[in-house]
Amino acid sequence: MTAPEMTTLPPETDVEGFLLDPQQWNERIAADIAHVNGIDALTDRHWLVVRFMRDTFLRTGAAPSIRALGKESGVPVKELYELFPKGPAKLAAKIGGIPKPRGCI
């Protein structure tokens, strides 16, 4: 007799798709969230922004604004909009498994 296969439940999200528990995040979940939101493959530049958002949130308890993201991540605002066309701060936060930044609609 074989043991039943373990299944991993998807992490819980709010109505907008943000993870309720940032500790449930991993890179596979990030890639899935990106894909659902129109980004087929996360490049090194995507990961730079996503990790910056996540690290900032975990360190300070708040995600950076788009202005701070552009200044502090090393990725100019224009490029942020190319990488994350549906709103860089909001989408990078979602992919990074953290709550929606304040000020994002």
PDB file of N, CA and C in Angstrom:
ATOM      1  N   MET A   1       0.833  -1.177   0.000  1.00  0.00           N
ATOM      2  CA  MET A   1       0.000   0.000   0.000  1.00  0.00           C
ATOM      3  C   MET A   1       0.885   1.250   0.000  1.00  0.00           C
ATOM      4  N   THR A   2       0.582   2.195  -0.840  1.00  0.00           N
ATOM      5  CA  THR A   2       1.369   3.414  -0.885  1.00  0.00           C
ATOM      6  C   THR A   2       0.661   4.517  -0.119  1.00  0.00           C
ATOM      7  N   ALA A   3       1.465   5.437   0.391  1.00  0.00           N
ATOM      8  CA  ALA A   3       0.902   6.576   1.122  1.00  0.00           C
ATOM      9  C   ALA A   3       0.255   7.533   0.130  1.00  0.00           C
ATOM     10  N   PRO A   4      -0.825   8.186   0.546  1.00  0.00           N
ATOM     11  CA  PRO A   4      -1.452   9.155  -0.362  1.00  0.00           C
ATOM     12  C   PRO A   4      -0.497  10.312  -0.634  1.00  0.00           C
ATOM     13  N   GLU A   5      -0.593  10.837  -1.830  1.00  0.00           N
ATOM     14  CA  GLU A   5       0.267  11.960  -2.211  1.00  0.00           C
ATOM     15  C   GLU A   5      -0.111  13.194  -1.412  1.00  0.00           C
ATOM     16  N   MET A   6       0.907  13.874  -0.938  1.00  0.00           N
ATOM     17  CA  MET A   6       0.668  15.130  -0.221  1.00  0.00           C
ATOM     18  C   MET A   6       0.390  16.213  -1.247  1.00  0.00           C
ATOM     19  N   THR A   7      -0.598  17.019  -0.978  1.00  0.00           N
ATOM     20  CA  THR A   7      -0.871  18.140  -1.859  1.00  0.00           C
ATOM     21  C   THR A   7      -0.615  19.422  -1.082  1.00  0.00           C
ATOM     22  N   THR A   8      -0.112  20.384  -1.765  1.00  0.00           N
ATOM     23  CA  THR A   8       0.131  21.676  -1.152  1.00  0.00           C
ATOM     24  C   THR A   8      -1.016  22.592  -1.515  1.00  0.00           C
ATOM     25  N   LEU A   9      -1.657  23.121  -0.510  1.00  0.00           N
ATOM     26  CA  LEU A   9      -2.748  24.040  -0.763  1.00  0.00           C
ATOM     27  C   LEU A   9      -2.189  25.382  -1.191  1.00  0.00           C
ATOM     28  N   PRO A  10      -2.867  26.046  -2.119  1.00  0.00           N
ATOM     29  CA  PRO A  10      -2.388  27.374  -2.482  1.00  0.00           C
ATOM     30  C   PRO A  10      -2.537  28.315  -1.294  1.00  0.00           C
ATOM     31  N   PRO A  11      -1.663  29.302  -1.203  1.00  0.00           N
ATOM     32  CA  PRO A  11      -1.760  30.232  -0.074  1.00  0.00           C
ATOM     33  C   PRO A  11      -3.043  31.057  -0.165  1.00  0.00           C
ATOM     34  N   GLU A  12      -3.513  31.497   0.993  1.00  0.00           N
ATOM     35  CA  GLU A  12      -4.721  32.317   1.027  1.00  0.00           C
ATOM     36  C   GLU A  12      -4.399  33.731   0.572  1.00  0.00           C
ATOM     37  N   THR A  13      -5.334  34.312  -0.180  1.00  0.00           N
ATOM     38  CA  THR A  13      -5.177  35.678  -0.662  1.00  0.00           C
ATOM     39  C   THR A  13      -6.419  36.495  -0.318  1.00  0.00           C
ATOM     40  N   ASP A  14      -6.257  37.822  -0.404  1.00  0.00           N
ATOM     41  CA  ASP A  14      -7.418  38.687  -0.250  1.00  0.00           C
ATOM     42  C   ASP A  14      -8.148  38.748  -1.593  1.00  0.00           C
ATOM     43  N   VAL A  15      -9.190  39.561  -1.689  1.00  0.00           N
ATOM     44  CA  VAL A  15      -9.986  39.614  -2.914  1.00  0.00           C
ATOM     45  C   VAL A  15      -9.202  40.146  -4.110  1.00  0.00           C
ATOM     46  N   GLU A  16      -8.114  40.879  -3.868  1.00  0.00           N
ATOM     47  CA  GLU A  16      -7.304  41.411  -4.959  1.00  0.00           C
ATOM     48  C   GLU A  16      -6.135  40.498  -5.328  1.00  0.00           C
ATOM     49  N   GLY A  17      -5.964  39.388  -4.613  1.00  0.00           N
ATOM     50  CA  GLY A  17      -4.907  38.440  -4.931  1.00  0.00           C
ATOM     51  C   GLY A  17      -3.615  38.619  -4.162  1.00  0.00           C
ATOM     52  N   PHE A  18      -3.615  39.471  -3.133  1.00  0.00           N
ATOM     53  CA  PHE A  18      -2.425  39.647  -2.292  1.00  0.00           C
ATOM     54  C   PHE A  18      -2.410  38.559  -1.227  1.00  0.00           C
ATOM     55  N   LEU A  19      -1.234  37.976  -0.990  1.00  0.00           N
ATOM     56  CA  LEU A  19      -1.124  36.936   0.035  1.00  0.00           C
ATOM     57  C   LEU A  19      -1.505  37.498   1.399  1.00  0.00           C
ATOM     58  N   LEU A  20      -2.243  36.710   2.169  1.00  0.00           N
ATOM     59  CA  LEU A  20      -2.604  37.124   3.522  1.00  0.00           C
ATOM     60  C   LEU A  20      -1.441  36.929   4.490  1.00  0.00           C
ATOM     61  N   ASP A  21      -0.582  35.966   4.201  1.00  0.00           N
ATOM     62  CA  ASP A  21       0.564  35.687   5.063  1.00  0.00           C
ATOM     63  C   ASP A  21       1.841  35.727   4.223  1.00  0.00           C
ATOM     64  N   PRO A  22       2.627  36.799   4.338  1.00  0.00           N
ATOM     65  CA  PRO A  22       3.860  36.904   3.536  1.00  0.00           C
ATOM     66  C   PRO A  22       4.835  35.742   3.743  1.00  0.00           C
ATOM     67  N   GLN A  23       4.717  35.028   4.857  1.00  0.00           N
ATOM     68  CA  GLN A  23       5.618  33.906   5.121  1.00  0.00           C
ATOM     69  C   GLN A  23       5.316  32.706   4.229  1.00  0.00           C
ATOM     70  N   GLN A  24       4.156  32.686   3.584  1.00  0.00           N
ATOM     71  CA  GLN A  24       3.809  31.585   2.682  1.00  0.00           C
ATOM     72  C   GLN A  24       4.429  31.754   1.296  1.00  0.00           C
ATOM     73  N   TRP A  25       5.077  32.871   1.064  1.00  0.00           N
ATOM     74  CA  TRP A  25       5.631  33.193  -0.250  1.00  0.00           C
ATOM     75  C   TRP A  25       6.853  32.364  -0.569  1.00  0.00           C
ATOM     76  N   ASN A  26       7.001  32.034  -1.832  1.00  0.00           N
ATOM     77  CA  ASN A  26       8.239  31.462  -2.349  1.00  0.00           C
ATOM     78  C   ASN A  26       8.337  31.856  -3.833  1.00  0.00           C
ATOM     79  N   GLU A  27       9.446  31.550  -4.456  1.00  0.00           N
ATOM     80  CA  GLU A  27       9.654  31.986  -5.834  1.00  0.00           C
ATOM     81  C   GLU A  27       8.695  31.323  -6.814  1.00  0.00           C
ATOM     82  N   ARG A  28       8.272  30.122  -6.530  1.00  0.00           N
ATOM     83  CA  ARG A  28       7.307  29.439  -7.408  1.00  0.00           C
ATOM     84  C   ARG A  28       5.963  30.160  -7.355  1.00  0.00           C
ATOM     85  N   ILE A  29       5.539  30.532  -6.155  1.00  0.00           N
ATOM     86  CA  ILE A  29       4.300  31.290  -6.007  1.00  0.00           C
ATOM     87  C   ILE A  29       4.431  32.627  -6.721  1.00  0.00           C
ATOM     88  N   ALA A  30       5.582  33.267  -6.591  1.00  0.00           N
ATOM     89  CA  ALA A  30       5.822  34.541  -7.274  1.00  0.00           C
ATOM     90  C   ALA A  30       5.663  34.385  -8.784  1.00  0.00           C
ATOM     91  N   ALA A  31       6.252  33.345  -9.341  1.00  0.00           N
ATOM     92  CA  ALA A  31       6.155  33.108 -10.780  1.00  0.00           C
ATOM     93  C   ALA A  31       4.702  32.866 -11.202  1.00  0.00           C
ATOM     94  N   ASP A  32       3.948  32.138 -10.385  1.00  0.00           N
ATOM     95  CA  ASP A  32       2.534  31.887 -10.683  1.00  0.00           C
ATOM     96  C   ASP A  32       1.728  33.184 -10.656  1.00  0.00           C
ATOM     97  N   ILE A  33       1.971  34.020  -9.636  1.00  0.00           N
ATOM     98  CA  ILE A  33       1.265  35.300  -9.529  1.00  0.00           C
ATOM     99  C   ILE A  33       1.610  36.179 -10.729  1.00  0.00           C
ATOM    100  N   ALA A  34       2.889  36.211 -11.101  1.00  0.00           N
ATOM    101  CA  ALA A  34       3.313  37.004 -12.251  1.00  0.00           C
ATOM    102  C   ALA A  34       2.597  36.540 -13.517  1.00  0.00           C
ATOM    103  N   HIS A  35       2.562  35.241 -13.723  1.00  0.00           N
ATOM    104  CA  HIS A  35       1.925  34.680 -14.917  1.00  0.00           C
ATOM    105  C   HIS A  35       0.448  35.056 -14.986  1.00  0.00           C
ATOM    106  N   VAL A  36      -0.251  34.916 -13.882  1.00  0.00           N
ATOM    107  CA  VAL A  36      -1.676  35.259 -13.828  1.00  0.00           C
ATOM    108  C   VAL A  36      -1.882  36.742 -14.138  1.00  0.00           C
ATOM    109  N   ASN A  37      -0.880  37.560 -13.833  1.00  0.00           N
ATOM    110  CA  ASN A  37      -0.980  39.003 -14.041  1.00  0.00           C
ATOM    111  C   ASN A  37      -0.293  39.471 -15.326  1.00  0.00           C
ATOM    112  N   GLY A  38      -0.068  38.552 -16.264  1.00  0.00           N
ATOM    113  CA  GLY A  38       0.405  38.922 -17.584  1.00  0.00           C
ATOM    114  C   GLY A  38       1.903  38.976 -17.780  1.00  0.00           C
ATOM    115  N   ILE A  39       2.679  38.527 -16.810  1.00  0.00           N
ATOM    116  CA  ILE A  39       4.140  38.479 -16.960  1.00  0.00           C
ATOM    117  C   ILE A  39       4.527  37.013 -17.091  1.00  0.00           C
ATOM    118  N   ASP A  40       4.894  36.621 -18.303  1.00  0.00           N
ATOM    119  CA  ASP A  40       5.161  35.206 -18.563  1.00  0.00           C
ATOM    120  C   ASP A  40       6.424  34.684 -17.903  1.00  0.00           C
ATOM    121  N   ALA A  41       7.457  35.509 -17.845  1.00  0.00           N
ATOM    122  CA  ALA A  41       8.708  35.078 -17.222  1.00  0.00           C
ATOM    123  C   ALA A  41       9.315  36.245 -16.464  1.00  0.00           C
ATOM    124  N   LEU A  42       9.717  35.998 -15.239  1.00  0.00           N
ATOM    125  CA  LEU A  42      10.367  37.023 -14.430  1.00  0.00           C
ATOM    126  C   LEU A  42      11.852  37.075 -14.779  1.00  0.00           C
ATOM    127  N   THR A  43      12.306  38.238 -15.232  1.00  0.00           N
ATOM    128  CA  THR A  43      13.709  38.440 -15.569  1.00  0.00           C
ATOM    129  C   THR A  43      14.490  38.827 -14.307  1.00  0.00           C
ATOM    130  N   ASP A  44      15.793  38.952 -14.459  1.00  0.00           N
ATOM    131  CA  ASP A  44      16.619  39.401 -13.335  1.00  0.00           C
ATOM    132  C   ASP A  44      16.157  40.778 -12.838  1.00  0.00           C
ATOM    133  N   ARG A  45      15.745  41.648 -13.753  1.00  0.00           N
ATOM    134  CA  ARG A  45      15.282  42.993 -13.364  1.00  0.00           C
ATOM    135  C   ARG A  45      13.978  42.911 -12.580  1.00  0.00           C
ATOM    136  N   HIS A  46      13.078  42.017 -12.997  1.00  0.00           N
ATOM    137  CA  HIS A  46      11.850  41.800 -12.223  1.00  0.00           C
ATOM    138  C   HIS A  46      12.199  41.359 -10.804  1.00  0.00           C
ATOM    139  N   TRP A  47      13.088  40.366 -10.717  1.00  0.00           N
ATOM    140  CA  TRP A  47      13.457  39.831  -9.398  1.00  0.00           C
ATOM    141  C   TRP A  47      14.114  40.897  -8.528  1.00  0.00           C
ATOM    142  N   LEU A  48      14.926  41.763  -9.123  1.00  0.00           N
ATOM    143  CA  LEU A  48      15.552  42.839  -8.373  1.00  0.00           C
ATOM    144  C   LEU A  48      14.487  43.698  -7.697  1.00  0.00           C
ATOM    145  N   VAL A  49      13.463  44.063  -8.443  1.00  0.00           N
ATOM    146  CA  VAL A  49      12.387  44.903  -7.910  1.00  0.00           C
ATOM    147  C   VAL A  49      11.557  44.138  -6.889  1.00  0.00           C
ATOM    148  N   VAL A  50      11.176  42.916  -7.213  1.00  0.00           N
ATOM    149  CA  VAL A  50      10.347  42.109  -6.303  1.00  0.00           C
ATOM    150  C   VAL A  50      11.075  41.886  -4.976  1.00  0.00           C
ATOM    151  N   ARG A  51      12.327  41.537  -5.038  1.00  0.00           N
ATOM    152  CA  ARG A  51      13.093  41.299  -3.794  1.00  0.00           C
ATOM    153  C   ARG A  51      13.290  42.593  -3.012  1.00  0.00           C
ATOM    154  N   PHE A  52      13.502  43.705  -3.720  1.00  0.00           N
ATOM    155  CA  PHE A  52      13.626  44.989  -3.038  1.00  0.00           C
ATOM    156  C   PHE A  52      12.331  45.321  -2.302  1.00  0.00           C
ATOM    157  N   MET A  53      11.196  45.152  -2.968  1.00  0.00           N
ATOM    158  CA  MET A  53       9.891  45.408  -2.338  1.00  0.00           C
ATOM    159  C   MET A  53       9.721  44.527  -1.100  1.00  0.00           C
ATOM    160  N   ARG A  54       9.982  43.250  -1.276  1.00  0.00           N
ATOM    161  CA  ARG A  54       9.788  42.288  -0.184  1.00  0.00           C
ATOM    162  C   ARG A  54      10.739  42.571   0.981  1.00  0.00           C
ATOM    163  N   ASP A  55      12.001  42.784   0.691  1.00  0.00           N
ATOM    164  CA  ASP A  55      12.980  43.056   1.746  1.00  0.00           C
ATOM    165  C   ASP A  55      12.630  44.332   2.509  1.00  0.00           C
ATOM    166  N   THR A  56      12.219  45.362   1.776  1.00  0.00           N
ATOM    167  CA  THR A  56      11.837  46.621   2.423  1.00  0.00           C
ATOM    168  C   THR A  56      10.647  46.403   3.345  1.00  0.00           C
ATOM    169  N   PHE A  57       9.650  45.674   2.872  1.00  0.00           N
ATOM    170  CA  PHE A  57       8.473  45.403   3.701  1.00  0.00           C
ATOM    171  C   PHE A  57       8.850  44.599   4.948  1.00  0.00           C
ATOM    172  N   LEU A  58       9.627  43.560   4.775  1.00  0.00           N
ATOM    173  CA  LEU A  58       9.983  42.716   5.918  1.00  0.00           C
ATOM    174  C   LEU A  58      10.852  43.469   6.926  1.00  0.00           C
ATOM    175  N   ARG A  59      11.648  44.415   6.447  1.00  0.00           N
ATOM    176  CA  ARG A  59      12.513  45.197   7.328  1.00  0.00           C
ATOM    177  C   ARG A  59      11.760  46.329   8.029  1.00  0.00           C
ATOM    178  N   THR A  60      10.834  46.993   7.315  1.00  0.00           N
ATOM    179  CA  THR A  60      10.198  48.199   7.847  1.00  0.00           C
ATOM    180  C   THR A  60       8.717  48.041   8.180  1.00  0.00           C
ATOM    181  N   GLY A  61       8.077  47.014   7.636  1.00  0.00           N
ATOM    182  CA  GLY A  61       6.638  46.846   7.847  1.00  0.00           C
ATOM    183  C   GLY A  61       5.787  47.588   6.834  1.00  0.00           C
ATOM    184  N   ALA A  62       6.435  48.228   5.854  1.00  0.00           N
ATOM    185  CA  ALA A  62       5.698  48.954   4.815  1.00  0.00           C
ATOM    186  C   ALA A  62       6.428  48.792   3.485  1.00  0.00           C
ATOM    187  N   ALA A  63       5.641  48.702   2.420  1.00  0.00           N
ATOM    188  CA  ALA A  63       6.230  48.638   1.088  1.00  0.00           C
ATOM    189  C   ALA A  63       6.595  50.044   0.631  1.00  0.00           C
ATOM    190  N   PRO A  64       7.649  50.177  -0.162  1.00  0.00           N
ATOM    191  CA  PRO A  64       8.027  51.506  -0.646  1.00  0.00           C
ATOM    192  C   PRO A  64       7.025  52.034  -1.669  1.00  0.00           C
ATOM    193  N   SER A  65       6.922  53.346  -1.744  1.00  0.00           N
ATOM    194  CA  SER A  65       6.090  53.984  -2.768  1.00  0.00           C
ATOM    195  C   SER A  65       6.782  53.830  -4.117  1.00  0.00           C
ATOM    196  N   ILE A  66       6.071  54.147  -5.178  1.00  0.00           N
ATOM    197  CA  ILE A  66       6.665  54.069  -6.515  1.00  0.00           C
ATOM    198  C   ILE A  66       7.864  55.010  -6.612  1.00  0.00           C
ATOM    199  N   ARG A  67       7.773  56.175  -6.004  1.00  0.00           N
ATOM    200  CA  ARG A  67       8.879  57.132  -6.040  1.00  0.00           C
ATOM    201  C   ARG A  67      10.110  56.551  -5.338  1.00  0.00           C
ATOM    202  N   ALA A  68       9.922  56.000  -4.135  1.00  0.00           N
ATOM    203  CA  ALA A  68      11.034  55.399  -3.398  1.00  0.00           C
ATOM    204  C   ALA A  68      11.568  54.170  -4.138  1.00  0.00           C
ATOM    205  N   LEU A  69      10.671  53.412  -4.718  1.00  0.00           N
ATOM    206  CA  LEU A  69      11.080  52.228  -5.473  1.00  0.00           C
ATOM    207  C   LEU A  69      12.008  52.622  -6.616  1.00  0.00           C
ATOM    208  N   GLY A  70      11.643  53.669  -7.349  1.00  0.00           N
ATOM    209  CA  GLY A  70      12.470  54.133  -8.454  1.00  0.00           C
ATOM    210  C   GLY A  70      13.810  54.683  -8.010  1.00  0.00           C
ATOM    211  N   LYS A  71      13.836  55.354  -6.863  1.00  0.00           N
ATOM    212  CA  LYS A  71      15.084  55.952  -6.380  1.00  0.00           C
ATOM    213  C   LYS A  71      16.003  54.925  -5.728  1.00  0.00           C
ATOM    214  N   GLU A  72      15.434  54.026  -4.940  1.00  0.00           N
ATOM    215  CA  GLU A  72      16.247  53.158  -4.087  1.00  0.00           C
ATOM    216  C   GLU A  72      16.547  51.778  -4.655  1.00  0.00           C
ATOM    217  N   SER A  73      15.743  51.308  -5.600  1.00  0.00           N
ATOM    218  CA  SER A  73      15.960  49.953  -6.121  1.00  0.00           C
ATOM    219  C   SER A  73      17.022  49.901  -7.201  1.00  0.00           C
ATOM    220  N   GLY A  74      17.326  51.058  -7.797  1.00  0.00           N
ATOM    221  CA  GLY A  74      18.267  51.072  -8.912  1.00  0.00           C
ATOM    222  C   GLY A  74      17.593  50.864 -10.257  1.00  0.00           C
ATOM    223  N   VAL A  75      16.266  50.761 -10.263  1.00  0.00           N
ATOM    224  CA  VAL A  75      15.506  50.600 -11.498  1.00  0.00           C
ATOM    225  C   VAL A  75      14.699  51.877 -11.708  1.00  0.00           C
ATOM    226  N   PRO A  76      14.978  52.627 -12.774  1.00  0.00           N
ATOM    227  CA  PRO A  76      14.260  53.885 -13.008  1.00  0.00           C
ATOM    228  C   PRO A  76      12.747  53.674 -13.166  1.00  0.00           C
ATOM    229  N   VAL A  77      11.980  54.693 -12.798  1.00  0.00           N
ATOM    230  CA  VAL A  77      10.511  54.600 -12.836  1.00  0.00           C
ATOM    231  C   VAL A  77      10.016  54.204 -14.222  1.00  0.00           C
ATOM    232  N   LYS A  78      10.591  54.763 -15.264  1.00  0.00           N
ATOM    233  CA  LYS A  78      10.160  54.417 -16.623  1.00  0.00           C
ATOM    234  C   LYS A  78      10.300  52.916 -16.864  1.00  0.00           C
ATOM    235  N   GLU A  79      11.417  52.347 -16.441  1.00  0.00           N
ATOM    236  CA  GLU A  79      11.627  50.902 -16.616  1.00  0.00           C
ATOM    237  C   GLU A  79      10.678  50.098 -15.731  1.00  0.00           C
ATOM    238  N   LEU A  80      10.380  50.613 -14.539  1.00  0.00           N
ATOM    239  CA  LEU A  80       9.425  49.924 -13.662  1.00  0.00           C
ATOM    240  C   LEU A  80       8.089  49.723 -14.378  1.00  0.00           C
ATOM    241  N   TYR A  81       7.641  50.763 -15.091  1.00  0.00           N
ATOM    242  CA  TYR A  81       6.376  50.664 -15.821  1.00  0.00           C
ATOM    243  C   TYR A  81       6.472  49.720 -17.019  1.00  0.00           C
ATOM    244  N   GLU A  82       7.664  49.561 -17.580  1.00  0.00           N
ATOM    245  CA  GLU A  82       7.853  48.584 -18.653  1.00  0.00           C
ATOM    246  C   GLU A  82       7.825  47.161 -18.095  1.00  0.00           C
ATOM    247  N   LEU A  83       8.432  46.975 -16.926  1.00  0.00           N
ATOM    248  CA  LEU A  83       8.478  45.646 -16.303  1.00  0.00           C
ATOM    249  C   LEU A  83       7.126  45.225 -15.735  1.00  0.00           C
ATOM    250  N   PHE A  84       6.434  46.190 -15.122  1.00  0.00           N
ATOM    251  CA  PHE A  84       5.162  45.920 -14.436  1.00  0.00           C
ATOM    252  C   PHE A  84       4.108  46.894 -14.962  1.00  0.00           C
ATOM    253  N   PRO A  85       3.595  46.638 -16.178  1.00  0.00           N
ATOM    254  CA  PRO A  85       2.715  47.603 -16.842  1.00  0.00           C
ATOM    255  C   PRO A  85       1.416  47.931 -16.107  1.00  0.00           C
ATOM    256  N   LYS A  86       0.939  47.072 -15.270  1.00  0.00           N
ATOM    257  CA  LYS A  86      -0.331  47.306 -14.583  1.00  0.00           C
ATOM    258  C   LYS A  86      -0.169  48.056 -13.269  1.00  0.00           C
ATOM    259  N   GLY A  87       0.935  48.730 -13.078  1.00  0.00           N
ATOM    260  CA  GLY A  87       1.193  49.450 -11.838  1.00  0.00           C
ATOM    261  C   GLY A  87       2.340  48.801 -11.100  1.00  0.00           C
ATOM    262  N   PRO A  88       3.525  49.367 -11.205  1.00  0.00           N
ATOM    263  CA  PRO A  88       4.727  48.724 -10.675  1.00  0.00           C
ATOM    264  C   PRO A  88       4.708  48.404  -9.191  1.00  0.00           C
ATOM    265  N   ALA A  89       4.378  49.361  -8.346  1.00  0.00           N
ATOM    266  CA  ALA A  89       4.433  49.104  -6.902  1.00  0.00           C
ATOM    267  C   ALA A  89       3.411  48.049  -6.500  1.00  0.00           C
ATOM    268  N   LYS A  90       2.215  48.172  -7.017  1.00  0.00           N
ATOM    269  CA  LYS A  90       1.149  47.232  -6.666  1.00  0.00           C
ATOM    270  C   LYS A  90       1.466  45.824  -7.163  1.00  0.00           C
ATOM    271  N   LEU A  91       1.859  45.699  -8.431  1.00  0.00           N
ATOM    272  CA  LEU A  91       2.118  44.379  -8.994  1.00  0.00           C
ATOM    273  C   LEU A  91       3.386  43.747  -8.414  1.00  0.00           C
ATOM    274  N   ALA A  92       4.425  44.537  -8.214  1.00  0.00           N
ATOM    275  CA  ALA A  92       5.652  43.988  -7.611  1.00  0.00           C
ATOM    276  C   ALA A  92       5.386  43.525  -6.186  1.00  0.00           C
ATOM    277  N   ALA A  93       4.551  44.255  -5.454  1.00  0.00           N
ATOM    278  CA  ALA A  93       4.190  43.837  -4.098  1.00  0.00           C
ATOM    279  C   ALA A  93       3.408  42.526  -4.135  1.00  0.00           C
ATOM    280  N   LYS A  94       2.462  42.446  -5.047  1.00  0.00           N
ATOM    281  CA  LYS A  94       1.653  41.222  -5.161  1.00  0.00           C
ATOM    282  C   LYS A  94       2.545  40.033  -5.479  1.00  0.00           C
ATOM    283  N   ILE A  95       3.435  40.193  -6.459  1.00  0.00           N
ATOM    284  CA  ILE A  95       4.347  39.107  -6.835  1.00  0.00           C
ATOM    285  C   ILE A  95       5.288  38.771  -5.682  1.00  0.00           C
ATOM    286  N   GLY A  96       5.663  39.783  -4.892  1.00  0.00           N
ATOM    287  CA  GLY A  96       6.556  39.584  -3.749  1.00  0.00           C
ATOM    288  C   GLY A  96       5.873  39.045  -2.511  1.00  0.00           C
ATOM    289  N   GLY A  97       4.570  38.835  -2.583  1.00  0.00           N
ATOM    290  CA  GLY A  97       3.864  38.227  -1.458  1.00  0.00           C
ATOM    291  C   GLY A  97       3.639  39.139  -0.271  1.00  0.00           C
ATOM    292  N   ILE A  98       3.634  40.451  -0.529  1.00  0.00           N
ATOM    293  CA  ILE A  98       3.426  41.393   0.567  1.00  0.00           C
ATOM    294  C   ILE A  98       2.141  42.193   0.334  1.00  0.00           C
ATOM    295  N   PRO A  99       1.638  42.882   1.355  1.00  0.00           N
ATOM    296  CA  PRO A  99       0.396  43.637   1.180  1.00  0.00           C
ATOM    297  C   PRO A  99       0.542  44.778   0.180  1.00  0.00           C
ATOM    298  N   LYS A 100      -0.592  45.205  -0.350  1.00  0.00           N
ATOM    299  CA  LYS A 100      -0.626  46.309  -1.291  1.00  0.00           C
ATOM    300  C   LYS A 100      -0.065  47.566  -0.627  1.00  0.00           C
ATOM    301  N   PRO A 101       0.827  48.264  -1.315  1.00  0.00           N
ATOM    302  CA  PRO A 101       1.392  49.500  -0.733  1.00  0.00           C
ATOM    303  C   PRO A 101       0.324  50.549  -0.497  1.00  0.00           C
ATOM    304  N   ARG A 102       0.527  51.357   0.530  1.00  0.00           N
ATOM    305  CA  ARG A 102      -0.392  52.451   0.787  1.00  0.00           C
ATOM    306  C   ARG A 102      -0.390  53.390  -0.397  1.00  0.00           C
ATOM    307  N   GLY A 103      -1.540  53.927  -0.703  1.00  0.00           N
ATOM    308  CA  GLY A 103      -1.646  54.870  -1.803  1.00  0.00           C
ATOM    309  C   GLY A 103      -1.948  54.201  -3.129  1.00  0.00           C
ATOM    310  N   CYS A 104      -1.838  52.882  -3.226  1.00  0.00           N
ATOM    311  CA  CYS A 104      -2.191  52.189  -4.468  1.00  0.00           C
ATOM    312  C   CYS A 104      -3.691  51.947  -4.495  1.00  0.00           C
ATOM    313  N   ILE A 105      -4.259  52.189  -5.641  1.00  0.00           N
ATOM    314  CA  ILE A 105      -5.711  52.005  -5.787  1.00  0.00           C
ATOM    315  C   ILE A 105      -6.007  50.551  -6.094  1.00  0.00           C
TER     316      ILE A 105
END
